[in-house]
Protein backbone atom coordinates (compact mmCIF):
# COMPACT_ATOMS: atom_id res chain seq x y z
CA UNK A 1 26.25 -3.02 -6.00
CA UNK A 2 24.38 -0.92 -8.44
CA UNK A 3 24.45 -3.74 -10.67
CA UNK A 4 23.43 -6.32 -8.17
CA UNK A 5 20.51 -4.17 -7.26
CA UNK A 6 19.41 -3.96 -11.00
CA UNK A 7 19.58 -7.57 -11.28
CA UNK A 8 17.58 -8.26 -8.19
CA UNK A 9 14.96 -5.63 -9.21
CA UNK A 10 14.75 -7.37 -12.59
CA UNK A 11 14.29 -10.78 -11.32
CA UNK A 12 11.40 -9.61 -8.98
CA UNK A 13 9.71 -7.64 -11.51
CA UNK A 14 10.18 -10.23 -14.21
CA UNK A 15 8.46 -12.65 -11.79
CA UNK A 16 5.74 -10.25 -11.42
CA UNK A 17 5.00 -9.66 -14.95
CA UNK A 18 4.93 -13.15 -15.92
CA UNK A 19 2.59 -13.87 -13.15
CA UNK A 20 0.15 -10.89 -13.23
CA UNK A 21 1.04 -8.37 -16.03
CA UNK A 22 -0.89 -10.15 -18.83
CA UNK A 23 -4.10 -10.27 -16.61
CA UNK A 24 -4.60 -6.71 -18.19
CA UNK A 25 -5.56 -4.49 -14.99
CA UNK A 26 -3.88 -5.34 -11.71
CA UNK A 27 -6.81 -5.71 -9.14
CA UNK A 28 -5.87 -3.59 -6.05
CA UNK A 29 -8.59 -1.94 -3.53
CA UNK A 30 -9.72 0.76 -6.36
CA UNK A 31 -13.07 -0.68 -6.08
CA UNK A 32 -13.69 0.78 -2.50
CA UNK A 33 -13.36 4.29 -3.94
CA UNK A 34 -16.72 3.91 -6.08
CA UNK A 35 -14.70 2.54 -8.69
CA UNK A 36 -16.32 -1.08 -9.08
CA UNK A 37 -16.23 -0.95 -12.86
CA UNK A 38 -12.45 -1.45 -12.88
CA UNK A 39 -13.06 -4.68 -11.57
CA UNK A 40 -16.60 -5.64 -12.67
CA UNK A 41 -17.73 -5.13 -16.24
CA UNK A 42 -21.30 -5.64 -15.28
CA UNK A 43 -21.11 -2.26 -13.33
CA UNK A 44 -20.78 -0.20 -16.64
CA UNK A 45 -23.62 2.32 -16.32
CA UNK A 46 -25.25 0.53 -13.45
CA UNK A 47 -26.14 3.63 -11.31
CA UNK A 48 -27.86 6.73 -11.28
CA UNK A 49 -25.04 9.11 -12.57
CA UNK A 50 -22.11 8.49 -15.11
CA UNK A 51 -18.83 8.24 -13.45
CA UNK A 52 -15.53 9.62 -14.48
CA UNK A 53 -12.73 8.20 -12.49
CA UNK A 54 -8.97 9.17 -12.38
CA UNK A 55 -6.40 6.94 -10.27
CA UNK A 56 -2.72 7.25 -9.65
CA UNK A 57 -0.86 4.36 -7.65
CA UNK A 58 2.64 4.27 -6.65
CA UNK A 59 4.28 1.20 -4.97
CA UNK A 60 7.54 0.87 -2.91
CA UNK A 61 8.27 4.67 -2.56
CA UNK A 62 11.91 5.46 -2.73
CA UNK A 63 12.83 2.40 -4.78
CA UNK A 64 13.69 3.13 -8.42
CA UNK A 65 11.65 1.78 -11.15
CA UNK A 66 8.80 0.47 -8.75
CA UNK A 67 5.45 -0.37 -9.90
CA UNK A 68 2.95 2.37 -10.73
CA UNK A 69 -0.47 2.34 -12.37
CA UNK A 70 -2.50 5.23 -13.70
CA UNK A 71 -6.19 4.74 -15.04
CA UNK A 72 -8.94 6.94 -16.71
CA UNK A 73 -12.18 5.22 -16.70
CA UNK A 74 -15.74 6.29 -17.80
CA UNK A 75 -18.92 4.48 -17.73
CA UNK A 76 -22.64 5.45 -18.24
CA UNK A 77 -25.86 4.53 -19.98
CA UNK A 78 -26.78 5.10 -23.49
CA UNK A 79 -29.71 7.12 -22.66
CA UNK A 80 -31.61 8.18 -19.62
CA UNK A 81 -34.33 5.80 -19.86
CA UNK A 82 -32.14 3.07 -21.79
CA UNK A 83 -31.20 -0.32 -20.12
CA UNK A 84 -27.96 -0.60 -21.87
CA UNK A 85 -24.62 0.97 -20.60
CA UNK A 86 -21.04 1.08 -21.96
CA UNK A 87 -17.71 2.05 -20.55
CA UNK A 88 -13.88 2.99 -21.36
CA UNK A 89 -10.65 2.39 -19.61
CA UNK A 90 -7.17 3.74 -20.45
CA UNK A 91 -4.38 2.50 -18.33
CA UNK A 92 -0.79 2.60 -18.03
CA UNK A 93 0.74 0.23 -15.70
CA UNK A 94 4.90 0.00 -15.34
CA UNK A 95 6.60 -2.80 -13.18
CA UNK A 96 10.26 -2.16 -13.39
CA UNK A 97 11.42 -2.32 -16.75
CA UNK A 98 8.08 -3.78 -17.96
CA UNK A 99 5.23 -1.66 -18.86
CA UNK A 100 1.87 -2.22 -20.43
CA UNK A 101 -0.55 0.14 -21.96
CA UNK A 102 -4.16 -0.70 -22.70
CA UNK A 103 -7.78 0.59 -23.73
CA UNK A 104 -10.68 -1.37 -22.57
CA UNK A 105 -14.26 -1.03 -24.00
CA UNK A 106 -17.36 -2.54 -22.44
CA UNK A 107 -20.98 -3.19 -23.18
CA UNK A 108 -23.49 -3.91 -20.13
CA UNK A 109 -27.21 -4.40 -19.98
CA UNK A 110 -29.51 -4.09 -16.86
CA UNK A 111 -32.62 -5.80 -16.27
CA UNK A 112 -35.05 -4.34 -14.06
CA UNK A 113 -36.66 -6.88 -11.71
CA UNK A 114 -39.23 -4.78 -9.94
CA UNK A 115 -40.51 -1.35 -9.39
CA UNK A 116 -41.21 -1.56 -5.68
CA UNK A 117 -39.42 0.16 -2.45
CA UNK A 118 -35.99 -1.48 -3.07
CA UNK A 119 -33.75 -1.24 -6.17
CA UNK A 120 -33.98 -4.63 -7.82
CA UNK A 121 -31.54 -5.25 -10.85
CA UNK A 122 -29.95 -8.15 -12.54
CA UNK A 123 -26.95 -7.12 -14.96
CA UNK A 124 -24.47 -8.49 -17.36
CA UNK A 125 -21.27 -7.11 -18.83
CA UNK A 126 -18.62 -7.98 -21.52
CA UNK A 127 -15.47 -6.03 -21.98
CA UNK A 128 -12.49 -6.37 -24.61
CA UNK A 129 -9.20 -5.16 -24.17
CA UNK A 130 -6.37 -4.26 -26.23
CA UNK A 131 -2.81 -4.03 -24.50
CA UNK A 132 0.67 -3.32 -25.74
CA UNK A 133 3.51 -4.84 -23.58
CA UNK A 134 7.14 -3.37 -23.52
CA UNK A 135 10.23 -4.54 -21.99
CA UNK A 136 13.00 -1.99 -22.03
CA UNK A 137 16.31 -3.40 -21.89
CA UNK A 138 18.44 -0.38 -22.96
CA UNK A 139 19.82 0.36 -19.44
CA UNK A 140 21.12 -3.26 -18.89
CA UNK A 141 24.77 -3.56 -18.50
CA UNK A 142 27.21 -6.22 -17.76
CA UNK A 143 25.47 -9.03 -19.75
CA UNK A 144 26.33 -9.57 -23.39
CA UNK A 145 23.24 -12.08 -23.69
CA UNK A 146 20.93 -9.12 -23.01
CA UNK A 147 20.29 -6.93 -26.33
CA UNK A 148 20.06 -3.16 -25.54
CA UNK A 149 16.52 -3.00 -27.10
CA UNK A 150 12.76 -2.57 -26.31
CA UNK A 151 11.00 -5.63 -26.79
CA UNK A 152 7.10 -5.34 -27.58
CA UNK A 153 4.41 -7.73 -27.54
CA UNK A 154 0.69 -7.24 -27.95
CA UNK A 155 -2.59 -9.34 -26.71
CA UNK A 156 -6.24 -9.22 -26.76
CA UNK A 157 -8.41 -10.13 -23.67
CA UNK A 158 -12.25 -10.39 -22.87
CA UNK A 159 -13.94 -10.31 -19.44
CA UNK A 160 -17.42 -11.22 -18.71
CA UNK A 161 -19.53 -10.50 -15.53
CA UNK A 162 -22.86 -10.71 -13.84
CA UNK A 163 -24.10 -8.69 -11.12
CA UNK A 164 -27.31 -8.60 -9.07
CA UNK A 165 -28.61 -5.82 -6.81
CA UNK A 166 -31.44 -5.62 -4.26
CA UNK A 167 -31.77 -2.59 -2.01
CA UNK A 168 -28.57 -2.63 0.10
CA UNK A 169 -27.12 -5.84 -1.45
CA UNK A 170 -24.76 -5.98 -4.05
CA UNK A 171 -23.11 -8.81 -5.63
CA UNK A 172 -20.77 -9.46 -8.67
CA UNK A 173 -19.28 -12.45 -10.24
CA UNK A 174 -16.84 -11.91 -13.20
CA UNK A 175 -14.41 -14.13 -15.05
CA UNK A 176 -11.52 -12.21 -16.38
CA UNK A 177 -9.14 -13.40 -19.02
CA UNK A 178 -11.55 -15.68 -21.31
CA UNK A 179 -9.92 -14.87 -24.71
CA UNK A 180 -6.50 -14.12 -23.63
CA UNK A 181 -3.83 -14.35 -26.31
CA UNK A 182 -0.42 -12.93 -26.71
CA UNK A 183 1.58 -12.28 -29.75
CA UNK A 184 5.26 -13.34 -29.60
CA UNK A 185 8.25 -11.86 -31.24
CA UNK A 186 7.96 -14.76 -34.00
CA UNK A 187 4.26 -13.52 -34.84
CA UNK A 188 2.90 -16.63 -33.53
CA UNK A 189 -0.56 -16.53 -31.47
CA UNK A 190 0.23 -18.08 -28.18
CA UNK A 191 -2.75 -18.92 -25.75
CA UNK A 192 -2.56 -18.16 -21.94
CA UNK A 193 -4.32 -19.77 -19.23
CA UNK A 194 -4.67 -16.91 -16.71
CA UNK A 195 -8.36 -17.17 -15.99
CA UNK A 196 -9.28 -15.42 -12.97
CA UNK A 197 -12.68 -15.86 -11.29
CA UNK A 198 -13.92 -13.15 -9.04
CA UNK A 199 -16.84 -12.88 -6.64
CA UNK A 200 -17.80 -9.70 -4.65
CA UNK A 201 -20.42 -8.98 -2.31
CA UNK A 202 -21.52 -6.33 0.31
CA UNK A 203 -24.55 -4.89 2.12
CA UNK A 204 -25.39 -1.44 3.01
CA UNK A 205 -27.31 -0.36 5.80
CA UNK A 206 -27.84 2.11 8.80
CA UNK A 207 -29.60 4.95 7.01
CA UNK A 208 -31.47 5.45 10.33
CA UNK A 209 -28.33 5.60 12.35
CA UNK A 210 -25.74 8.39 12.99
CA UNK A 211 -23.51 6.82 10.05
CA UNK A 212 -24.11 4.01 7.55
CA UNK A 213 -21.74 0.90 7.17
CA UNK A 214 -21.04 -1.60 4.43
CA UNK A 215 -19.12 -4.64 5.18
CA UNK A 216 -17.99 -6.42 1.97
CA UNK A 217 -15.96 -9.16 0.82
CA UNK A 218 -14.03 -10.24 -2.70
CA UNK A 219 -12.73 -13.52 -3.43
CA UNK A 220 -10.55 -14.32 -6.45
CA UNK A 221 -9.30 -17.81 -7.85
CA UNK A 222 -6.75 -17.81 -10.47
CA UNK A 223 -7.16 -20.99 -12.54
CA UNK A 224 -3.75 -21.33 -13.85
CA UNK A 225 -1.75 -21.29 -10.66
CA UNK A 226 -4.47 -22.13 -8.28
CA UNK A 227 -3.77 -19.22 -6.08
CA UNK A 228 -6.94 -17.74 -4.10
CA UNK A 229 -7.05 -14.18 -2.66
CA UNK A 230 -9.59 -12.90 -0.04
CA UNK A 231 -10.41 -9.25 0.88
CA UNK A 232 -12.39 -8.41 3.83
CA UNK A 233 -13.54 -4.92 4.00
CA UNK A 234 -15.52 -2.53 6.11
CA UNK A 235 -16.72 0.84 4.90
CA UNK A 236 -18.42 3.51 6.88
CA UNK A 237 -20.22 6.95 5.64
CA UNK A 238 -21.45 10.06 7.40
CA UNK A 239 -23.28 12.87 5.46
CA UNK A 240 -22.57 16.48 6.65
CA UNK A 241 -24.32 19.12 4.78
CA UNK A 242 -23.63 18.87 1.13
CA UNK A 243 -20.65 16.48 1.70
CA UNK A 244 -20.10 12.93 2.58
CA UNK A 245 -16.94 11.73 4.72
CA UNK A 246 -16.28 7.94 4.38
CA UNK A 247 -13.43 5.60 5.31
CA UNK A 248 -12.77 1.99 4.68
CA UNK A 249 -10.28 -0.40 5.94
CA UNK A 250 -9.42 -3.71 3.74
CA UNK A 251 -7.65 -6.81 4.92
CA UNK A 252 -6.18 -9.01 1.83
CA UNK A 253 -4.62 -12.31 2.25
CA UNK A 254 -3.41 -14.64 -0.42
CA UNK A 255 -3.23 -18.36 -0.31
CA UNK A 256 -0.75 -20.05 -2.48
CA UNK A 257 0.78 -23.37 -2.81
CA UNK A 258 4.09 -21.32 -2.62
CA UNK A 259 4.35 -19.86 0.78
CA UNK A 260 6.48 -17.21 -0.37
CA UNK A 261 3.33 -15.84 -2.17
CA UNK A 262 1.09 -15.87 0.80
CA UNK A 263 1.26 -12.36 1.27
CA UNK A 264 -0.96 -10.11 3.71
CA UNK A 265 -1.95 -6.54 3.33
CA UNK A 266 -3.83 -3.78 5.30
CA UNK A 267 -5.46 -1.14 3.20
CA UNK A 268 -6.91 2.08 5.08
CA UNK A 269 -8.98 4.37 2.59
CA UNK A 270 -10.18 7.81 3.33
CA UNK A 271 -12.51 9.81 1.18
CA UNK A 272 -14.72 12.82 0.65
CA UNK A 273 -17.61 13.16 -1.79
CA UNK A 274 -18.46 16.89 -2.19
CA UNK A 275 -21.63 17.60 -4.44
CA UNK A 276 -20.60 15.68 -7.70
CA UNK A 277 -17.05 15.24 -6.91
CA UNK A 278 -15.36 12.25 -5.10
CA UNK A 279 -11.53 12.37 -3.66
CA UNK A 280 -9.72 9.58 -1.92
CA UNK A 281 -6.31 8.37 -0.76
CA UNK A 282 -5.50 4.78 -0.56
CA UNK A 283 -2.26 3.31 1.71
CA UNK A 284 -1.52 -0.43 1.55
CA UNK A 285 1.01 -1.75 4.04
CA UNK A 286 2.29 -5.36 3.55
CA UNK A 287 2.40 -7.24 6.93
CA UNK A 288 4.31 -10.07 6.20
CA UNK A 289 7.50 -10.96 8.19
CA UNK A 290 9.37 -10.36 4.95
CA UNK A 291 8.97 -7.56 2.59
CA UNK A 292 10.91 -5.59 0.22
CA UNK A 293 10.36 -2.16 1.79
CA UNK A 294 8.14 -0.59 4.50
CA UNK A 295 7.22 2.31 2.68
CA UNK A 296 3.95 0.95 1.44
CA UNK A 297 1.76 1.74 -1.41
CA UNK A 298 0.00 4.99 -2.15
CA UNK A 299 -2.66 5.93 -4.30
CA UNK A 300 -4.91 8.83 -4.91
CA UNK A 301 -8.42 8.86 -6.71
CA UNK A 302 -10.23 11.66 -8.12
CA UNK A 303 -14.01 11.33 -9.40
CA UNK A 304 -16.73 13.26 -11.11
CA UNK A 305 -20.38 11.97 -11.33
CA UNK A 306 -22.15 13.58 -14.35
CA UNK A 307 -25.70 13.84 -15.34
CA UNK A 308 -27.01 12.65 -12.02
CA UNK A 309 -30.65 11.10 -12.26
CA UNK A 310 -33.01 10.74 -9.06
CA UNK A 311 -32.71 7.34 -7.53
CA UNK A 312 -35.47 4.92 -8.42
CA UNK A 313 -35.43 3.24 -5.08
CA UNK A 314 -33.39 2.43 -1.89
CA UNK A 315 -29.97 1.06 -3.14
CA UNK A 316 -26.42 0.68 -2.08
CA UNK A 317 -23.99 3.79 -2.72
CA UNK A 318 -22.57 2.52 -6.06
CA UNK A 319 -26.14 2.59 -7.39
CA UNK A 320 -27.24 5.97 -6.18
CA UNK A 321 -24.78 8.80 -5.94
CA UNK A 322 -25.02 10.60 -2.92
CA UNK A 323 -25.54 14.25 -3.96
CA UNK A 324 -27.12 16.60 -6.45
CA UNK A 325 -27.21 16.83 -10.22
CA UNK A 326 -24.53 17.92 -12.76
């Protein structure tokens, strides 16, 4: 029974690895925890503070070798009065017997479009990534055709994005996997068609109300497979003294030619901003009729805003940090 379970898990993880692992960072709902930079390179240094974020995600709790992801990201401006920004991401993504570790560097440029009452800015960002993949076959037993070794491959990647902000409006468009190449075991460069087009938009309002609200959407289109993914989100904020409580609810639906891949997810997120600190917890539940487990996906995020500057004009929360200076 244990051997059959391992084979089943290997099949699931191998299928997931072939479809998504070489997309560099998996795209979850991290961006709802004030971590837009993980998805869009044009967000590097975009706000009025430097942002350090740490996330840890665990899927399918209770199942051995279940997928997990850890990221450490930082992005800022080159100087207080500079229009250029940069960012750095370190990540460790494990999926069954497969894993990938990588480093991503980003350069962004932000072009102010006016000095009026509302924040108005056009931004561009370009990221380059190096990833090391591993497939650990040392624990496989029962099949002589499988060598008990650790196989490694590496690949490079590039993403390009554009963003536009005006007051409470935020919008992003990113093309991921522009220059994606993999080095196979024969030391031959192999091109991969995994381009992913991502569009995000949101609107922040309610500064004169008892709470503030930010509805948003995110749309993805994977060129190689034709898969489409849609997120519909609603986020609410409430300021209390030196703290800000917030909560978000996200619905994700995948539209694929293969009905098995038409997955649906519900993700509630709760968070607290205290002075320059951010804490959040995310729980994702798959709501399809057929699921691998009912335990859901758990994620914890911790953030720190550094060198906060005074807001230049009214804008959405990912532009203006909520509180104080560091």
